[in-house]
Protein backbone atom coordinates (compact mmCIF):
# COMPACT_ATOMS: atom_id res chain seq x y z
CA MET A 1 -11.73 -21.06 3.57
CA LEU A 2 -10.44 -23.26 0.71
CA THR A 3 -13.41 -22.20 -1.35
CA ARG A 4 -12.57 -18.46 -0.61
CA VAL A 5 -8.97 -18.92 -1.37
CA GLY A 6 -9.64 -20.76 -4.59
CA LEU A 7 -11.98 -18.12 -5.78
CA ARG A 8 -9.56 -15.35 -5.07
CA LEU A 9 -6.76 -17.21 -6.82
CA LEU A 10 -8.83 -17.43 -9.96
CA GLN A 11 -9.55 -13.74 -9.81
CA ILE A 12 -5.75 -12.92 -9.62
CA VAL A 13 -5.06 -14.01 -13.34
CA PRO A 14 -7.68 -11.93 -15.08
CA THR A 15 -6.96 -8.92 -12.84
CA VAL A 16 -3.30 -8.97 -13.81
CA VAL A 17 -4.16 -9.27 -17.42
CA LEU A 18 -6.56 -6.44 -17.41
CA VAL A 19 -4.00 -4.23 -15.50
CA ALA A 20 -1.24 -5.15 -17.98
CA VAL A 21 -3.61 -4.06 -20.87
CA LEU A 22 -4.80 -0.85 -19.25
CA MET A 23 -1.12 0.13 -18.32
CA PHE A 24 0.03 -0.41 -21.90
CA VAL A 25 -2.88 1.84 -23.32
CA LEU A 26 -2.45 4.50 -20.71
CA MET A 27 1.42 4.78 -20.99
CA ARG A 28 0.98 5.23 -24.87
CA LEU A 29 -1.64 7.96 -24.26
CA LEU A 30 0.79 10.03 -22.20
CA PRO A 31 2.04 13.00 -24.14
CA GLY A 32 5.80 12.98 -24.91
CA ASP A 33 8.17 10.68 -26.77
CA PRO A 34 10.63 8.42 -24.71
CA ALA A 35 13.39 9.05 -27.40
CA ILE A 36 13.06 12.80 -27.02
CA GLN A 37 13.25 12.48 -23.17
CA LEU A 38 16.40 10.56 -23.25
CA LEU A 39 18.08 12.69 -26.12
CA GLY A 40 16.83 16.17 -25.09
CA ASP A 41 15.16 18.88 -27.15
CA ARG A 42 18.08 19.57 -29.29
CA ALA A 43 18.34 16.03 -30.63
CA THR A 44 18.23 15.84 -34.56
CA ASP A 45 15.44 13.90 -36.21
CA ALA A 46 18.10 11.31 -37.49
CA ASN A 47 19.14 10.58 -33.77
CA ILE A 48 15.46 10.45 -32.67
CA ALA A 49 14.47 8.04 -35.38
CA ARG A 50 17.48 5.76 -34.84
CA LEU A 51 16.80 5.58 -31.06
CA ARG A 52 13.10 4.87 -31.64
CA HIS A 53 14.10 2.11 -34.03
CA GLU A 54 16.59 0.67 -31.29
CA LEU A 55 13.89 0.74 -28.53
CA GLY A 56 11.20 -0.77 -30.86
CA PHE A 57 8.80 2.29 -30.77
CA ASP A 58 8.82 2.72 -34.55
CA ARG A 59 6.89 -0.71 -34.67
CA SER A 60 3.12 -0.88 -34.76
CA VAL A 61 1.12 -0.83 -31.68
CA VAL A 62 0.04 -4.29 -32.23
CA VAL A 63 3.44 -5.67 -32.61
CA GLN A 64 4.64 -3.70 -29.44
CA PHE A 65 1.68 -5.27 -27.44
CA TRP A 66 2.37 -8.77 -28.43
CA ALA A 67 5.92 -8.31 -27.47
CA TYR A 68 4.82 -6.84 -24.24
CA LEU A 69 2.40 -9.58 -23.54
CA THR A 70 5.10 -12.11 -24.34
CA HIS A 71 7.52 -10.50 -21.83
CA VAL A 72 4.77 -10.55 -19.08
CA ALA A 73 3.95 -14.25 -19.80
CA THR A 74 7.59 -15.18 -19.51
CA LEU A 75 8.28 -13.07 -16.46
CA ARG A 76 10.72 -10.96 -18.52
CA LEU A 77 9.60 -7.38 -17.79
CA GLY A 78 12.15 -5.82 -20.17
CA ASP A 79 15.05 -3.35 -19.60
CA SER A 80 14.93 0.38 -18.38
CA ILE A 81 15.67 2.63 -21.13
CA THR A 82 17.00 5.17 -18.57
CA LEU A 83 18.98 3.07 -16.10
CA HIS A 84 19.80 0.37 -18.64
CA VAL A 85 19.24 -2.55 -16.31
CA PRO A 86 16.53 -5.24 -16.17
CA VAL A 87 13.35 -4.20 -14.71
CA THR A 88 13.24 -7.48 -12.54
CA GLN A 89 16.57 -6.38 -11.09
CA LEU A 90 15.18 -2.77 -10.11
CA ILE A 91 12.29 -4.37 -8.50
CA ALA A 92 14.09 -6.74 -6.63
CA GLU A 93 16.36 -3.96 -5.22
CA ARG A 94 13.68 -1.45 -4.41
CA LEU A 95 10.58 -3.77 -3.45
CA PRO A 96 12.00 -4.84 -0.08
CA ASN A 97 12.17 -1.33 1.09
CA THR A 98 8.60 -0.50 0.11
CA LEU A 99 7.16 -3.79 1.55
CA MET A 100 8.99 -3.09 4.85
CA LEU A 101 7.76 0.43 4.95
CA THR A 102 4.03 -0.67 4.40
CA ALA A 103 4.22 -3.69 6.71
CA MET A 104 5.61 -1.32 9.45
CA ALA A 105 3.04 1.28 8.80
CA ALA A 106 0.22 -1.39 8.94
CA MET A 107 1.46 -2.80 12.17
CA LEU A 108 1.82 0.57 13.75
CA ALA A 109 -1.53 1.60 12.63
CA LEU A 110 -3.10 -1.53 14.29
CA LEU A 111 -0.97 -0.73 17.49
CA ILE A 112 -2.51 2.74 17.60
CA ALA A 113 -6.10 2.03 16.43
CA VAL A 114 -7.09 -0.81 18.48
CA PRO A 115 -6.24 0.48 22.09
CA LEU A 116 -7.78 3.81 21.13
CA ALA A 117 -10.95 2.20 19.67
CA PHE A 118 -11.15 0.08 22.85
CA VAL A 119 -11.09 3.14 25.15
CA ALA A 120 -13.27 5.25 23.07
CA ALA A 121 -15.95 2.40 22.89
CA LEU A 122 -15.66 1.54 26.63
CA ARG A 123 -16.27 5.35 27.40
CA GLU A 124 -19.02 6.08 24.69
CA GLY A 125 -20.22 9.48 24.92
CA GLY A 126 -17.81 10.59 27.52
CA ILE A 127 -15.04 13.17 27.46
CA VAL A 128 -12.33 10.67 26.49
CA ASP A 129 -14.52 9.30 23.76
CA ILE A 130 -14.96 12.83 22.29
CA ALA A 131 -11.33 13.81 22.67
CA ILE A 132 -10.24 10.58 20.82
CA ARG A 133 -12.75 11.27 17.97
CA VAL A 134 -11.48 14.79 17.62
CA VAL A 135 -7.94 13.84 17.54
CA GLY A 136 -8.81 11.23 14.85
CA GLN A 137 -10.57 13.79 12.84
CA VAL A 138 -7.59 16.12 12.87
CA GLY A 139 -5.47 13.18 11.88
CA LEU A 140 -7.61 12.31 8.92
CA SER A 141 -7.75 15.88 7.74
CA MET A 142 -3.87 16.21 7.56
CA PRO A 143 -2.35 15.27 4.14
CA VAL A 144 0.48 12.63 4.35
CA PHE A 145 3.26 14.84 2.74
CA TYR A 146 2.36 17.70 5.30
CA LEU A 147 2.52 15.32 8.30
CA GLY A 148 5.74 13.88 7.00
CA LEU A 149 7.50 17.15 6.74
CA ILE A 150 6.39 18.10 10.30
CA LEU A 151 7.63 14.74 11.65
CA LEU A 152 10.89 15.25 9.69
CA ILE A 153 11.59 18.71 10.90
CA THR A 154 10.80 18.14 14.53
CA LEU A 155 11.76 14.58 15.31
CA ALA A 156 14.56 14.22 12.75
CA ALA A 157 16.25 17.36 11.87
CA GLY A 158 15.25 19.31 15.10
CA LEU A 159 15.58 16.76 17.85
CA GLY A 160 17.76 14.24 15.93
CA TRP A 161 15.90 11.10 17.25
CA PHE A 162 15.64 9.71 13.82
CA PRO A 163 17.78 9.99 10.44
CA VAL A 164 16.65 12.75 8.11
CA GLY A 165 16.27 10.23 5.16
CA GLY A 166 17.70 7.46 3.24
CA ILE A 167 17.94 3.70 4.21
CA GLY A 168 20.23 1.78 6.43
CA ASN A 169 22.73 -1.18 6.11
CA GLY A 170 21.08 -4.34 7.30
CA PHE A 171 17.67 -5.43 8.75
CA VAL A 172 17.88 -3.78 12.15
CA GLU A 173 19.16 -0.44 10.84
CA ASP A 174 16.74 -0.41 8.01
CA LEU A 175 13.91 -0.68 10.64
CA TYR A 176 15.36 2.35 12.41
CA TYR A 177 15.55 4.44 9.31
CA LEU A 178 12.01 3.36 8.14
CA LEU A 179 10.49 3.89 11.59
CA LEU A 180 9.51 7.70 11.08
CA PRO A 181 8.25 7.21 7.45
CA ALA A 182 6.16 4.23 8.66
CA LEU A 183 4.80 6.39 11.55
CA THR A 184 3.79 8.90 9.02
CA LEU A 185 1.89 6.43 7.02
CA ALA A 186 0.41 4.72 10.02
CA LEU A 187 -1.19 7.88 11.63
CA SER A 188 -3.78 8.64 8.94
CA LEU A 189 -4.56 4.85 8.48
CA ALA A 190 -4.89 4.39 12.20
CA MET A 191 -7.49 7.07 12.52
CA VAL A 192 -9.49 5.41 9.78
CA LEU A 193 -9.40 1.88 11.46
CA MET A 194 -9.95 3.43 14.80
CA ARG A 195 -13.19 5.08 13.76
CA ASN A 196 -14.37 1.92 12.13
CA LEU A 197 -13.35 -0.36 15.08
CA ARG A 198 -15.00 1.75 17.66
CA ASP A 199 -18.40 1.74 15.93
CA ALA A 200 -18.12 -1.98 15.56
CA LEU A 201 -17.06 -2.60 19.14
CA ILE A 202 -20.09 -0.51 20.40
CA GLU A 203 -22.38 -2.44 18.13
CA VAL A 204 -21.15 -5.77 19.31
CA MET A 205 -21.15 -4.97 22.97
CA HIS A 206 -24.87 -4.28 22.75
CA ALA A 207 -25.50 -7.50 21.01
CA GLU A 208 -27.73 -10.07 22.84
CA PHE A 209 -24.95 -12.72 22.98
CA VAL A 210 -22.47 -10.50 24.61
CA GLN A 211 -25.05 -9.60 27.26
CA PHE A 212 -25.82 -13.32 27.65
CA ALA A 213 -22.05 -14.09 28.00
CA THR A 214 -21.81 -11.40 30.65
CA ALA A 215 -24.91 -12.55 32.38
CA LYS A 216 -23.23 -16.11 32.67
CA GLY A 217 -20.66 -14.61 34.82
CA LEU A 218 -17.63 -14.67 32.39
CA ARG A 219 -14.71 -12.38 33.28
CA ARG A 220 -15.04 -8.95 31.51
CA ARG A 221 -11.61 -9.44 29.85
CA LEU A 222 -12.64 -12.85 28.31
CA VAL A 223 -15.87 -11.32 27.18
CA LEU A 224 -14.17 -8.29 25.44
CA GLY A 225 -11.26 -10.37 23.90
CA ARG A 226 -13.17 -13.49 22.83
CA HIS A 227 -16.65 -12.28 21.93
CA VAL A 228 -16.49 -8.60 21.43
CA LEU A 229 -13.10 -7.88 19.71
CA ARG A 230 -13.14 -11.14 17.48
CA ASN A 231 -16.55 -10.08 15.98
CA ALA A 232 -15.72 -6.40 15.78
CA LEU A 233 -12.39 -7.20 13.99
CA VAL A 234 -14.30 -8.52 10.85
CA SER A 235 -15.14 -5.23 9.40
CA THR A 236 -11.95 -3.70 10.41
CA VAL A 237 -9.96 -6.52 8.76
CA THR A 238 -11.96 -5.83 5.47
CA LEU A 239 -11.23 -2.16 5.66
CA MET A 240 -7.81 -2.72 6.42
CA GLY A 241 -7.45 -4.73 3.09
CA LEU A 242 -9.31 -2.03 1.12
CA GLN A 243 -6.76 0.62 2.53
CA ILE A 244 -3.69 -1.26 1.25
CA GLY A 245 -4.02 0.44 -2.09
CA SER A 246 -3.99 3.79 -0.32
CA LEU A 247 -1.14 2.75 1.82
CA VAL A 248 0.94 2.15 -1.16
CA GLY A 249 -0.01 5.37 -2.71
CA GLY A 250 0.97 7.02 0.38
CA ALA A 251 4.28 5.29 0.37
CA VAL A 252 4.94 6.90 -3.16
CA ILE A 253 4.76 10.45 -1.33
CA THR A 254 6.47 9.23 1.79
CA GLU A 255 9.40 7.79 -0.07
CA SER A 256 9.95 11.07 -1.87
CA VAL A 257 9.79 13.18 1.33
CA PHE A 258 12.19 10.94 3.17
CA GLY A 259 14.39 9.88 0.18
CA ILE A 260 13.74 6.29 0.50
CA PRO A 261 14.84 4.18 -2.48
CA GLY A 262 11.61 2.35 -2.91
CA ILE A 263 9.40 1.36 -5.69
CA GLY A 264 7.15 4.35 -5.24
CA ARG A 265 9.91 6.97 -5.88
CA LEU A 266 11.06 4.68 -8.86
CA MET A 267 7.47 4.87 -10.30
CA ILE A 268 7.42 8.51 -10.22
CA ASP A 269 10.91 8.94 -11.67
CA SER A 270 9.86 6.36 -14.47
CA ILE A 271 6.69 8.05 -15.44
CA TYR A 272 8.57 11.49 -15.88
CA ALA A 273 10.99 9.64 -18.10
CA ARG A 274 8.42 7.70 -20.05
CA ASP A 275 10.29 4.58 -19.08
CA TYR A 276 7.40 2.23 -20.22
CA ALA A 277 8.99 -0.92 -19.28
CA VAL A 278 9.59 0.07 -15.66
CA VAL A 279 6.06 1.55 -15.17
CA GLN A 280 4.47 -1.51 -16.63
CA GLY A 281 6.48 -3.87 -14.59
CA LEU A 282 5.86 -2.02 -11.38
CA THR A 283 2.26 -1.88 -11.93
CA ILE A 284 1.89 -5.58 -12.63
CA VAL A 285 3.84 -6.33 -9.40
CA LEU A 286 1.68 -4.07 -7.31
CA SER A 287 -1.41 -5.54 -8.64
CA VAL A 288 -0.24 -9.04 -7.85
CA LEU A 289 0.67 -7.83 -4.30
CA VAL A 290 -2.71 -6.18 -3.70
CA SER A 291 -4.41 -9.48 -4.96
CA VAL A 292 -2.36 -11.56 -2.66
CA VAL A 293 -3.26 -9.01 0.32
CA PHE A 294 -7.09 -9.58 -0.57
CA LEU A 295 -6.38 -13.32 -0.36
CA LEU A 296 -4.92 -13.06 3.05
CA VAL A 297 -7.84 -10.65 4.03
CA ASP A 298 -10.31 -13.23 3.11
CA ALA A 299 -8.48 -16.03 4.99
CA VAL A 300 -8.44 -13.88 8.14
CA GLN A 301 -12.11 -13.13 7.69
CA VAL A 302 -12.95 -16.79 7.64
CA MET A 303 -10.72 -17.49 10.72
CA LEU A 304 -12.50 -14.73 12.61
CA ASP A 305 -16.07 -15.62 11.42
CA PRO A 306 -16.38 -19.18 9.72
CA ARG A 307 -20.01 -18.42 8.86
CA GLN A 308 -19.10 -16.17 6.15
CA GLU A 309 -19.93 -17.07 2.60
CA PRO A 310 -17.39 -17.31 -0.16
CA ALA A 311 -17.31 -13.87 -2.06
């Protein structure tokens, strides 16, 4: 485990540097001028030139890139040109909401996927197995924004069981406000995990060591929990880590649908406003978070199966 963790930590630094360079280049390739975005189309050339000088956009690309790398290295991500506050402050205010949303979605996805996969695997080829797979296929084919709108209209606006949008005041109230958006994200992820875990469970149940454990007279619950589930979860944990990026991408849409003040919604607004500092800062933070998730996935994989070689 220490070897895998060490290798993963060594990969984080070049990954963050590469992401920082790519985002700097891609943001400059976007059409549009931040100064014109701020001042409007009726702004005079003199006002645009003055604002570009104040923001430092009239300097050469090399000078801008060096200043950007200096800010990243010193953990000063600059100031937002539209909101006029430090980027670190914006991230500190919005990041907890997105982290709570994605964490709740991941936990709900596991709570949905594991029981369904177990039932489908134990009833392989039966009516229950076919029904679960059909429902899973329907869930996979539904876009996140469409599913979110359906849940919002029926459960929130129609039945009034959940808030229509926004965020609460305090941890407990935040959980209540984020439950429906998290369920929206969790349903599609749960269907992916369920299909993978079902196939893994069936494969492990047919393995020789499981049949040997059953022949020894071990209780079925012990065989399923200690031998079958533990070995089947290795591939599912890997898939879960790979889906974190998609989960964050779905959070961007979900936050917009439910009006949640998270970093996904902030990212969309900043891209439209050509707020370079905010977009670059958010991308770096997200790359670090995804790398940390991969690190945790490696640790969990080793705990489930210590025989794995460092990757």
